[in-house]
Amino acid sequence: MKPKKVKKTKLKKKIRIKYSRVFILLLILLTFILGIIFIINLKITNIIVIGDYDILKEQEIIDIASISNYPKTLAFSSSKIRKNLEENIYIKSAKVTKKYLTQVYITVEENYPLFFYKTDNKTVLLDGSKVEKIFDVPTVINYIPNLKYQSFVEKMGLLDNNILERISEIKYDPSDYDDERFLLYMKDGNYVYINLYKFSNLNKYIEIIKNFGNKKGIVYLDSGNYFEIIEK
């Protein structure tokens, strides 16, 4: 007689749900979601403007950055704020950093006015661009040839601000032997001859005139660095 086949039955393992662990996982997930929502809705709380700026005021810089209403911080990245600033003609460059997500630090380098160019009736800025607005800057009273003009703009941009403020008018005044010579009319009553090659010597102007007391005259910085007293 053949033995009977015995059916094997599979025992089902009961799964026990550990509700405490599920609760903890859900709590972690909820905290994570709430954290993301909190960060997304964070607003800018402080805006600090750093650097030397004169043409633009602090509030104008904040307005140009498009964050004057203290918007959500993630809506305006540092690069976006910088782009907004650098699109303004009076800002040469900008640096924007965020601290603690809600604090925005802005450093600007102004594209400040160098001189009023009478030939065009426009003000020339540091980067060579021109605007209609008139500022309290030196006036270039005559035409400067194109080959000299760009170099002149660059040299003017290297002058210290306290020297730039002392210049009243500038005349392109080439001589027979120097086609890069300029005559500067200073606000203190002196005259200065300078050429493009030695233009940086103007930054020593205050030190130079100290040697001549209250006397007025012509300072030759284009050749020899000497002072000629004007007879009165």
Foldseek 3Di string as FASTA:
>chain_A
DDDDDDDDDDDDDDDDDDVVVVVVVVVVVVVVVVVVVCLQQAWADAEAEDEDDDPDDPVRLCVLLVCNVRGRLVVADQVSSQVSNCVDPQFPGKGWDDDPSRYIYIYTDTQAWQEQEPVVCWTATLVGDTDNDDDQWEYEDDDDDPVQVVLVSNLSSPADPVLRNQWHYKYQDADPVGNQWIWTQGPLGAIEIAGSVQSRCSNCVVVLCVVVPSFHFYAYRHPDRDTDGDDD
